[in-house]
Amino acid sequence: MYIRGKDPIILSGPGVDSANKVCLDHSAWDDGIKRGKRPFVDSQNPSVMSLRLTAESHGTRPRLEKDRVQALVNKYGEKRLEKMFIASVTVGNGQCRWGESEDEIEKFRISDVEKAPTVHGELLVLDENFNRLEQTSIKLLSDSKWGKMRQSNKKQIVELDDTRLFFYDGSLWLFYRNGKALGYIEQAHNPLYIERDENGNIEAYIKASEMVKVCCGRNMAIIASERKSQMMVSIPLFISKFRRN
């Protein structure tokens, strides 16, 4: 059952045998699920990228360096990874509940949580049909000052909004926004690290020392330029909420 009792519409494409809606496990942070409710938010700003390692036919360098995703190669193998995907989503305050009556809330088991339990970025590893294989919250390694946050040399979950993945120079990068710590007119991007903890669980994090800011706007997207040392940025134009009459 999907939110509000409706099933998702599946758009099938070439080479996709049985595509699925990408589903998250919210149980680590959403107490409403323990009461039999659906999640407070079904995630937003999805960004899905192929984990294909090999280069295009005209390329000479791998699209993604194997050692950058060695934790995934070790578990799934290079051959399987070619058909798999990696995704980032924002878990935040975009609540799915909107205008339903109390009867509808109970009928469709819509979340009765009033405030977002968390705002963070979640990373998912998907198979060729978008089935979730693994997921983890993206953390920040505070190895340097990060906006208003001081250095602590610890990994912690921070607010990451408008998260987007992109590849550059053989690495996986994360584009994101944090209004409280970095300001509301700037976005940032970092190389994204994927490892495993002592129990073999997947772990994803960015380093404060490697943050690169981009000003100004939001919902930007970055791709690699034909020039090796450059990136290209797309920036939507919009009327800001800070506009004054």
C-alpha atoms as a PDB file:
ATOM      1  CA  MET A   1       0.000   0.000   0.000  1.00  0.00           C
ATOM      2  CA  TYR A   2       1.248   3.421  -0.960  1.00  0.00           C
ATOM      3  CA  ILE A   3       0.627   6.749   0.785  1.00  0.00           C
ATOM      4  CA  ARG A   4      -3.090   7.628   0.912  1.00  0.00           C
ATOM      5  CA  GLY A   5      -3.890   4.057  -0.044  1.00  0.00           C
ATOM      6  CA  LYS A   6      -2.853   4.370  -3.701  1.00  0.00           C
ATOM      7  CA  ASP A   7      -0.326   2.203  -5.494  1.00  0.00           C
ATOM      8  CA  PRO A   8       2.574   3.874  -7.329  1.00  0.00           C
ATOM      9  CA  ILE A   9       2.478   4.182 -11.112  1.00  0.00           C
ATOM     10  CA  ILE A  10       5.383   2.302 -12.675  1.00  0.00           C
ATOM     11  CA  LEU A  11       6.958   3.664 -15.860  1.00  0.00           C
ATOM     12  CA  SER A  12       8.849   0.856 -17.544  1.00  0.00           C
ATOM     13  CA  GLY A  13      11.819   1.539 -19.802  1.00  0.00           C
ATOM     14  CA  PRO A  14      14.196  -0.429 -22.035  1.00  0.00           C
ATOM     15  CA  GLY A  15      16.100  -3.081 -20.138  1.00  0.00           C
ATOM     16  CA  VAL A  16      13.932  -2.771 -17.023  1.00  0.00           C
ATOM     17  CA  ASP A  17      12.211  -6.062 -16.261  1.00  0.00           C
ATOM     18  CA  SER A  18      10.250  -5.168 -13.142  1.00  0.00           C
ATOM     19  CA  ALA A  19      10.849  -1.647 -11.845  1.00  0.00           C
ATOM     20  CA  ASN A  20       9.780  -0.899  -8.302  1.00  0.00           C
ATOM     21  CA  LYS A  21       9.090   2.106  -6.144  1.00  0.00           C
ATOM     22  CA  VAL A  22      12.207   2.829  -4.080  1.00  0.00           C
ATOM     23  CA  CYS A  23      11.204   2.342  -0.446  1.00  0.00           C
ATOM     24  CA  LEU A  24      13.038   3.464   2.672  1.00  0.00           C
ATOM     25  CA  ASP A  25      13.246   1.908   6.098  1.00  0.00           C
ATOM     26  CA  HIS A  26      12.305   4.772   8.424  1.00  0.00           C
ATOM     27  CA  SER A  27      12.207   2.743  11.636  1.00  0.00           C
ATOM     28  CA  ALA A  28      15.547   4.116  12.899  1.00  0.00           C
ATOM     29  CA  TRP A  29      14.169   7.646  13.314  1.00  0.00           C
ATOM     30  CA  ASP A  30      10.369   7.710  12.919  1.00  0.00           C
ATOM     31  CA  ASP A  31       8.474   6.682  16.058  1.00  0.00           C
ATOM     32  CA  GLY A  32       5.146   6.934  14.234  1.00  0.00           C
ATOM     33  CA  ILE A  33       5.888   3.653  12.464  1.00  0.00           C
ATOM     34  CA  LYS A  34       5.881   1.890  15.828  1.00  0.00           C
ATOM     35  CA  ARG A  35       2.231   2.922  16.178  1.00  0.00           C
ATOM     36  CA  GLY A  36       1.330   1.331  12.854  1.00  0.00           C
ATOM     37  CA  LYS A  37       1.446   4.591  10.879  1.00  0.00           C
ATOM     38  CA  ARG A  38       3.140   5.383   7.609  1.00  0.00           C
ATOM     39  CA  PRO A  39       6.311   7.513   7.698  1.00  0.00           C
ATOM     40  CA  PHE A  40       6.044  11.228   8.430  1.00  0.00           C
ATOM     41  CA  VAL A  41       7.660  11.906   5.068  1.00  0.00           C
ATOM     42  CA  ASP A  42       8.206   9.624   2.088  1.00  0.00           C
ATOM     43  CA  SER A  43      11.504  11.386   1.267  1.00  0.00           C
ATOM     44  CA  GLN A  44      12.113  14.042  -1.382  1.00  0.00           C
ATOM     45  CA  ASN A  45      14.760  15.292  -3.846  1.00  0.00           C
ATOM     46  CA  PRO A  46      15.645  11.790  -5.119  1.00  0.00           C
ATOM     47  CA  SER A  47      18.903  11.473  -7.029  1.00  0.00           C
ATOM     48  CA  VAL A  48      19.697   8.131  -8.681  1.00  0.00           C
ATOM     49  CA  MET A  49      22.924   7.286 -10.504  1.00  0.00           C
ATOM     50  CA  SER A  50      24.270   4.156 -12.166  1.00  0.00           C
ATOM     51  CA  LEU A  51      27.143   2.406 -10.396  1.00  0.00           C
ATOM     52  CA  ARG A  52      28.659   1.402 -13.706  1.00  0.00           C
ATOM     53  CA  LEU A  53      32.437   1.368 -13.422  1.00  0.00           C
ATOM     54  CA  THR A  54      33.406   0.971 -17.062  1.00  0.00           C
ATOM     55  CA  ALA A  55      34.002   3.970 -19.298  1.00  0.00           C
ATOM     56  CA  GLU A  56      31.972   4.869 -22.373  1.00  0.00           C
ATOM     57  CA  SER A  57      33.152   3.365 -25.654  1.00  0.00           C
ATOM     58  CA  HIS A  58      35.016   6.561 -26.524  1.00  0.00           C
ATOM     59  CA  GLY A  59      36.478   7.001 -23.048  1.00  0.00           C
ATOM     60  CA  THR A  60      39.730   5.675 -21.689  1.00  0.00           C
ATOM     61  CA  ARG A  61      39.290   6.286 -17.984  1.00  0.00           C
ATOM     62  CA  PRO A  62      36.743   4.446 -15.795  1.00  0.00           C
ATOM     63  CA  ARG A  63      33.586   6.410 -15.150  1.00  0.00           C
ATOM     64  CA  LEU A  64      33.938   5.579 -11.462  1.00  0.00           C
ATOM     65  CA  GLU A  65      37.204   4.444  -9.911  1.00  0.00           C
ATOM     66  CA  LYS A  66      36.799   1.012  -8.342  1.00  0.00           C
ATOM     67  CA  ASP A  67      38.670   1.901  -5.165  1.00  0.00           C
ATOM     68  CA  ARG A  68      36.167   4.708  -4.481  1.00  0.00           C
ATOM     69  CA  VAL A  69      33.391   2.123  -4.061  1.00  0.00           C
ATOM     70  CA  GLN A  70      35.543  -0.799  -2.908  1.00  0.00           C
ATOM     71  CA  ALA A  71      33.101  -1.533  -0.082  1.00  0.00           C
ATOM     72  CA  LEU A  72      30.421  -2.261  -2.697  1.00  0.00           C
ATOM     73  CA  VAL A  73      32.767  -4.132  -5.054  1.00  0.00           C
ATOM     74  CA  ASN A  74      33.800  -6.465  -2.240  1.00  0.00           C
ATOM     75  CA  LYS A  75      30.196  -7.383  -1.470  1.00  0.00           C
ATOM     76  CA  TYR A  76      28.522  -7.437  -4.883  1.00  0.00           C
ATOM     77  CA  GLY A  77      31.372  -7.886  -7.358  1.00  0.00           C
ATOM     78  CA  GLU A  78      32.283  -5.718 -10.344  1.00  0.00           C
ATOM     79  CA  LYS A  79      30.029  -7.540 -12.792  1.00  0.00           C
ATOM     80  CA  ARG A  80      26.875  -7.072 -10.745  1.00  0.00           C
ATOM     81  CA  LEU A  81      27.771  -3.492  -9.863  1.00  0.00           C
ATOM     82  CA  GLU A  82      27.583  -2.583 -13.571  1.00  0.00           C
ATOM     83  CA  LYS A  83      23.786  -2.955 -13.439  1.00  0.00           C
ATOM     84  CA  MET A  84      23.211  -1.506  -9.970  1.00  0.00           C
ATOM     85  CA  PHE A  85      22.318   2.005  -8.828  1.00  0.00           C
ATOM     86  CA  ILE A  86      23.094   4.330  -5.962  1.00  0.00           C
ATOM     87  CA  ALA A  87      20.643   6.931  -4.724  1.00  0.00           C
ATOM     88  CA  SER A  88      20.416   9.812  -2.286  1.00  0.00           C
ATOM     89  CA  VAL A  89      17.198  11.234  -0.873  1.00  0.00           C
ATOM     90  CA  THR A  90      16.318  13.939   1.599  1.00  0.00           C
ATOM     91  CA  VAL A  91      14.364  12.916   4.672  1.00  0.00           C
ATOM     92  CA  GLY A  92      12.853  16.131   5.965  1.00  0.00           C
ATOM     93  CA  ASN A  93       9.784  18.183   6.756  1.00  0.00           C
ATOM     94  CA  GLY A  94       7.833  17.712   3.513  1.00  0.00           C
ATOM     95  CA  GLN A  95       5.038  15.840   5.274  1.00  0.00           C
ATOM     96  CA  CYS A  96       2.769  13.686   3.113  1.00  0.00           C
ATOM     97  CA  ARG A  97      -0.244  14.531   5.274  1.00  0.00           C
ATOM     98  CA  TRP A  98      -2.268  17.399   3.834  1.00  0.00           C
ATOM     99  CA  GLY A  99      -5.876  18.263   4.627  1.00  0.00           C
ATOM    100  CA  GLU A 100      -7.100  14.771   5.467  1.00  0.00           C
ATOM    101  CA  SER A 101      -9.900  14.302   7.956  1.00  0.00           C
ATOM    102  CA  GLU A 102      -9.340  12.330  11.140  1.00  0.00           C
ATOM    103  CA  ASP A 103     -11.219   9.397   9.597  1.00  0.00           C
ATOM    104  CA  GLU A 104      -8.987   9.483   6.509  1.00  0.00           C
ATOM    105  CA  ILE A 105      -5.870   9.629   8.664  1.00  0.00           C
ATOM    106  CA  GLU A 106      -6.953   6.435  10.395  1.00  0.00           C
ATOM    107  CA  LYS A 107      -8.243   4.745   7.242  1.00  0.00           C
ATOM    108  CA  PHE A 108      -5.030   5.255   5.287  1.00  0.00           C
ATOM    109  CA  ARG A 109      -2.775   5.033   8.383  1.00  0.00           C
ATOM    110  CA  ILE A 110      -1.242   8.439   7.573  1.00  0.00           C
ATOM    111  CA  SER A 111       1.390   9.631  10.024  1.00  0.00           C
ATOM    112  CA  ASP A 112       0.075  11.473  13.071  1.00  0.00           C
ATOM    113  CA  VAL A 113       3.511  12.952  13.854  1.00  0.00           C
ATOM    114  CA  GLU A 114       3.345  16.763  13.932  1.00  0.00           C
ATOM    115  CA  LYS A 115       7.038  17.648  13.555  1.00  0.00           C
ATOM    116  CA  ALA A 116       9.701  16.161  11.319  1.00  0.00           C
ATOM    117  CA  PRO A 117      11.673  13.630  13.387  1.00  0.00           C
ATOM    118  CA  THR A 118      14.808  14.385  11.370  1.00  0.00           C
ATOM    119  CA  VAL A 119      16.188  16.310   8.398  1.00  0.00           C
ATOM    120  CA  HIS A 120      19.107  14.483   6.806  1.00  0.00           C
ATOM    121  CA  GLY A 121      20.395  12.795   3.690  1.00  0.00           C
ATOM    122  CA  GLU A 122      19.937   9.062   3.236  1.00  0.00           C
ATOM    123  CA  LEU A 123      22.014   6.929   0.865  1.00  0.00           C
ATOM    124  CA  LEU A 124      20.624   3.785  -0.777  1.00  0.00           C
ATOM    125  CA  VAL A 125      22.215   0.967  -2.743  1.00  0.00           C
ATOM    126  CA  LEU A 126      19.774  -0.457  -5.303  1.00  0.00           C
ATOM    127  CA  ASP A 127      19.755  -3.472  -7.581  1.00  0.00           C
ATOM    128  CA  GLU A 128      18.972  -3.330 -11.303  1.00  0.00           C
ATOM    129  CA  ASN A 129      15.225  -3.090 -10.582  1.00  0.00           C
ATOM    130  CA  PHE A 130      15.546  -0.411  -7.886  1.00  0.00           C
ATOM    131  CA  ASN A 131      15.046  -2.833  -5.010  1.00  0.00           C
ATOM    132  CA  ARG A 132      16.742  -1.505  -1.891  1.00  0.00           C
ATOM    133  CA  LEU A 133      19.719  -3.619  -0.865  1.00  0.00           C
ATOM    134  CA  GLU A 134      21.265  -1.344   1.745  1.00  0.00           C
ATOM    135  CA  GLN A 135      20.761   2.119   3.166  1.00  0.00           C
ATOM    136  CA  THR A 136      22.511   4.426   5.612  1.00  0.00           C
ATOM    137  CA  SER A 137      22.275   8.000   6.865  1.00  0.00           C
ATOM    138  CA  ILE A 138      24.944  10.271   5.375  1.00  0.00           C
ATOM    139  CA  LYS A 139      27.171  11.666   8.122  1.00  0.00           C
ATOM    140  CA  LEU A 140      29.603  14.542   8.398  1.00  0.00           C
ATOM    141  CA  LEU A 141      33.160  13.921   9.585  1.00  0.00           C
ATOM    142  CA  SER A 142      33.930  17.114  11.496  1.00  0.00           C
ATOM    143  CA  ASP A 143      37.649  17.181  10.731  1.00  0.00           C
ATOM    144  CA  SER A 144      37.469  20.953  10.233  1.00  0.00           C
ATOM    145  CA  LYS A 145      35.151  23.883  10.902  1.00  0.00           C
ATOM    146  CA  TRP A 146      31.927  23.437   8.910  1.00  0.00           C
ATOM    147  CA  GLY A 147      29.869  26.592   8.737  1.00  0.00           C
ATOM    148  CA  LYS A 148      28.838  27.374  12.302  1.00  0.00           C
ATOM    149  CA  MET A 149      29.961  23.959  13.553  1.00  0.00           C
ATOM    150  CA  ARG A 150      33.295  23.552  15.278  1.00  0.00           C
ATOM    151  CA  GLN A 151      35.794  20.800  14.624  1.00  0.00           C
ATOM    152  CA  SER A 152      35.196  17.697  16.737  1.00  0.00           C
ATOM    153  CA  ASN A 153      36.792  14.916  14.657  1.00  0.00           C
ATOM    154  CA  LYS A 154      33.581  12.900  15.043  1.00  0.00           C
ATOM    155  CA  LYS A 155      31.065  11.582  12.540  1.00  0.00           C
ATOM    156  CA  GLN A 156      27.563  12.877  13.074  1.00  0.00           C
ATOM    157  CA  ILE A 157      24.260  13.257  11.256  1.00  0.00           C
ATOM    158  CA  VAL A 158      23.606  16.827  10.121  1.00  0.00           C
ATOM    159  CA  GLU A 159      20.843  18.492   8.154  1.00  0.00           C
ATOM    160  CA  LEU A 160      21.392  17.829   4.453  1.00  0.00           C
ATOM    161  CA  ASP A 161      18.707  19.212   2.164  1.00  0.00           C
ATOM    162  CA  ASP A 162      18.326  19.112  -1.631  1.00  0.00           C
ATOM    163  CA  THR A 163      20.846  16.263  -1.837  1.00  0.00           C
ATOM    164  CA  ARG A 164      22.101  15.252  -5.295  1.00  0.00           C
ATOM    165  CA  LEU A 165      24.729  12.807  -6.479  1.00  0.00           C
ATOM    166  CA  PHE A 166      27.163  13.375  -9.334  1.00  0.00           C
ATOM    167  CA  PHE A 167      30.389  11.864 -10.637  1.00  0.00           C
ATOM    168  CA  TYR A 168      33.554  13.857 -11.162  1.00  0.00           C
ATOM    169  CA  ASP A 169      37.129  12.784 -11.805  1.00  0.00           C
ATOM    170  CA  GLY A 170      36.376   9.144 -11.007  1.00  0.00           C
ATOM    171  CA  SER A 171      34.767   9.938  -7.643  1.00  0.00           C
ATOM    172  CA  LEU A 172      31.236  10.064  -6.292  1.00  0.00           C
ATOM    173  CA  TRP A 173      30.225  13.514  -5.022  1.00  0.00           C
ATOM    174  CA  LEU A 174      27.307  14.847  -2.990  1.00  0.00           C
ATOM    175  CA  PHE A 175      25.686  18.206  -3.644  1.00  0.00           C
ATOM    176  CA  TYR A 176      23.595  19.520  -0.749  1.00  0.00           C
ATOM    177  CA  ARG A 177      22.305  22.485   1.228  1.00  0.00           C
ATOM    178  CA  ASN A 178      22.322  23.353   4.928  1.00  0.00           C
ATOM    179  CA  GLY A 179      20.663  26.648   5.751  1.00  0.00           C
ATOM    180  CA  LYS A 180      21.376  26.772   9.465  1.00  0.00           C
ATOM    181  CA  ALA A 181      25.086  25.982   9.313  1.00  0.00           C
ATOM    182  CA  LEU A 182      26.128  27.275   5.890  1.00  0.00           C
ATOM    183  CA  GLY A 183      23.604  30.005   5.150  1.00  0.00           C
ATOM    184  CA  TYR A 184      20.410  30.003   3.109  1.00  0.00           C
ATOM    185  CA  ILE A 185      21.839  31.299  -0.165  1.00  0.00           C
ATOM    186  CA  GLU A 186      24.730  28.864  -0.572  1.00  0.00           C
ATOM    187  CA  GLN A 187      24.970  25.214  -1.481  1.00  0.00           C
ATOM    188  CA  ALA A 188      27.979  22.959  -1.096  1.00  0.00           C
ATOM    189  CA  HIS A 189      29.454  19.768  -2.475  1.00  0.00           C
ATOM    190  CA  ASN A 190      31.894  17.173  -1.178  1.00  0.00           C
ATOM    191  CA  PRO A 191      33.428  13.879  -2.240  1.00  0.00           C
ATOM    192  CA  LEU A 192      31.300  11.100  -0.762  1.00  0.00           C
ATOM    193  CA  TYR A 193      32.990   8.197   1.026  1.00  0.00           C
ATOM    194  CA  ILE A 194      31.454   4.737   1.268  1.00  0.00           C
ATOM    195  CA  GLU A 195      32.921   2.272   3.749  1.00  0.00           C
ATOM    196  CA  ARG A 196      31.849  -0.460   6.155  1.00  0.00           C
ATOM    197  CA  ASP A 197      31.929  -0.425   9.923  1.00  0.00           C
ATOM    198  CA  GLU A 198      33.285  -3.157  12.159  1.00  0.00           C
ATOM    199  CA  ASN A 199      29.992  -5.077  11.814  1.00  0.00           C
ATOM    200  CA  GLY A 200      30.023  -4.967   8.025  1.00  0.00           C
ATOM    201  CA  ASN A 201      27.262  -2.370   7.771  1.00  0.00           C
ATOM    202  CA  ILE A 202      27.483   0.257   5.045  1.00  0.00           C
ATOM    203  CA  GLU A 203      28.577   3.730   6.111  1.00  0.00           C
ATOM    204  CA  ALA A 204      28.554   6.953   4.062  1.00  0.00           C
ATOM    205  CA  TYR A 205      30.091  10.291   5.023  1.00  0.00           C
ATOM    206  CA  ILE A 206      31.539  13.566   3.787  1.00  0.00           C
ATOM    207  CA  LYS A 207      34.492  15.474   5.255  1.00  0.00           C
ATOM    208  CA  ALA A 208      34.095  19.026   6.516  1.00  0.00           C
ATOM    209  CA  SER A 209      37.619  19.820   5.318  1.00  0.00           C
ATOM    210  CA  GLU A 210      36.663  19.033   1.697  1.00  0.00           C
ATOM    211  CA  MET A 211      33.556  21.223   1.446  1.00  0.00           C
ATOM    212  CA  VAL A 212      33.265  23.454  -1.632  1.00  0.00           C
ATOM    213  CA  LYS A 213      30.643  26.201  -1.567  1.00  0.00           C
ATOM    214  CA  VAL A 214      28.582  27.430  -4.511  1.00  0.00           C
ATOM    215  CA  CYS A 215      26.635  30.678  -4.387  1.00  0.00           C
ATOM    216  CA  CYS A 216      23.824  31.476  -4.890  1.00  0.00           C
ATOM    217  CA  GLY A 217      20.487  29.673  -5.180  1.00  0.00           C
ATOM    218  CA  ARG A 218      19.170  26.184  -4.568  1.00  0.00           C
ATOM    219  CA  ASN A 219      18.172  23.002  -6.415  1.00  0.00           C
ATOM    220  CA  MET A 220      21.329  23.266  -8.490  1.00  0.00           C
ATOM    221  CA  ALA A 221      22.857  20.398 -10.449  1.00  0.00           C
ATOM    222  CA  ILE A 222      26.499  19.763 -11.331  1.00  0.00           C
ATOM    223  CA  ILE A 223      28.023  17.657 -14.104  1.00  0.00           C
ATOM    224  CA  ALA A 224      31.593  17.227 -15.262  1.00  0.00           C
ATOM    225  CA  SER A 225      32.801  19.478 -18.048  1.00  0.00           C
ATOM    226  CA  GLU A 226      34.745  18.316 -21.091  1.00  0.00           C
ATOM    227  CA  ARG A 227      37.632  20.152 -19.513  1.00  0.00           C
ATOM    228  CA  LYS A 228      39.022  17.869 -16.845  1.00  0.00           C
ATOM    229  CA  SER A 229      39.562  20.602 -14.273  1.00  0.00           C
ATOM    230  CA  GLN A 230      36.093  22.164 -14.588  1.00  0.00           C
ATOM    231  CA  MET A 231      32.505  21.439 -13.659  1.00  0.00           C
ATOM    232  CA  MET A 232      29.280  22.819 -15.116  1.00  0.00           C
ATOM    233  CA  VAL A 233      26.442  24.023 -12.928  1.00  0.00           C
ATOM    234  CA  SER A 234      22.759  24.465 -13.759  1.00  0.00           C
ATOM    235  CA  ILE A 235      20.884  26.964 -11.576  1.00  0.00           C
ATOM    236  CA  PRO A 236      17.096  27.413 -11.741  1.00  0.00           C
ATOM    237  CA  LEU A 237      15.809  30.968 -11.559  1.00  0.00           C
ATOM    238  CA  PHE A 238      12.959  31.558  -9.145  1.00  0.00           C
ATOM    239  CA  ILE A 239      11.303  34.124  -6.921  1.00  0.00           C
ATOM    240  CA  SER A 240      12.839  33.721  -3.506  1.00  0.00           C
ATOM    241  CA  LYS A 241      10.749  33.500  -0.359  1.00  0.00           C
ATOM    242  CA  PHE A 242      12.819  36.429   0.884  1.00  0.00           C
ATOM    243  CA  ARG A 243      11.245  38.752  -1.685  1.00  0.00           C
ATOM    244  CA  ARG A 244       9.605  41.801  -0.095  1.00  0.00           C
ATOM    245  CA  ASN A 245       6.498  43.515  -1.420  1.00  0.00           C
END
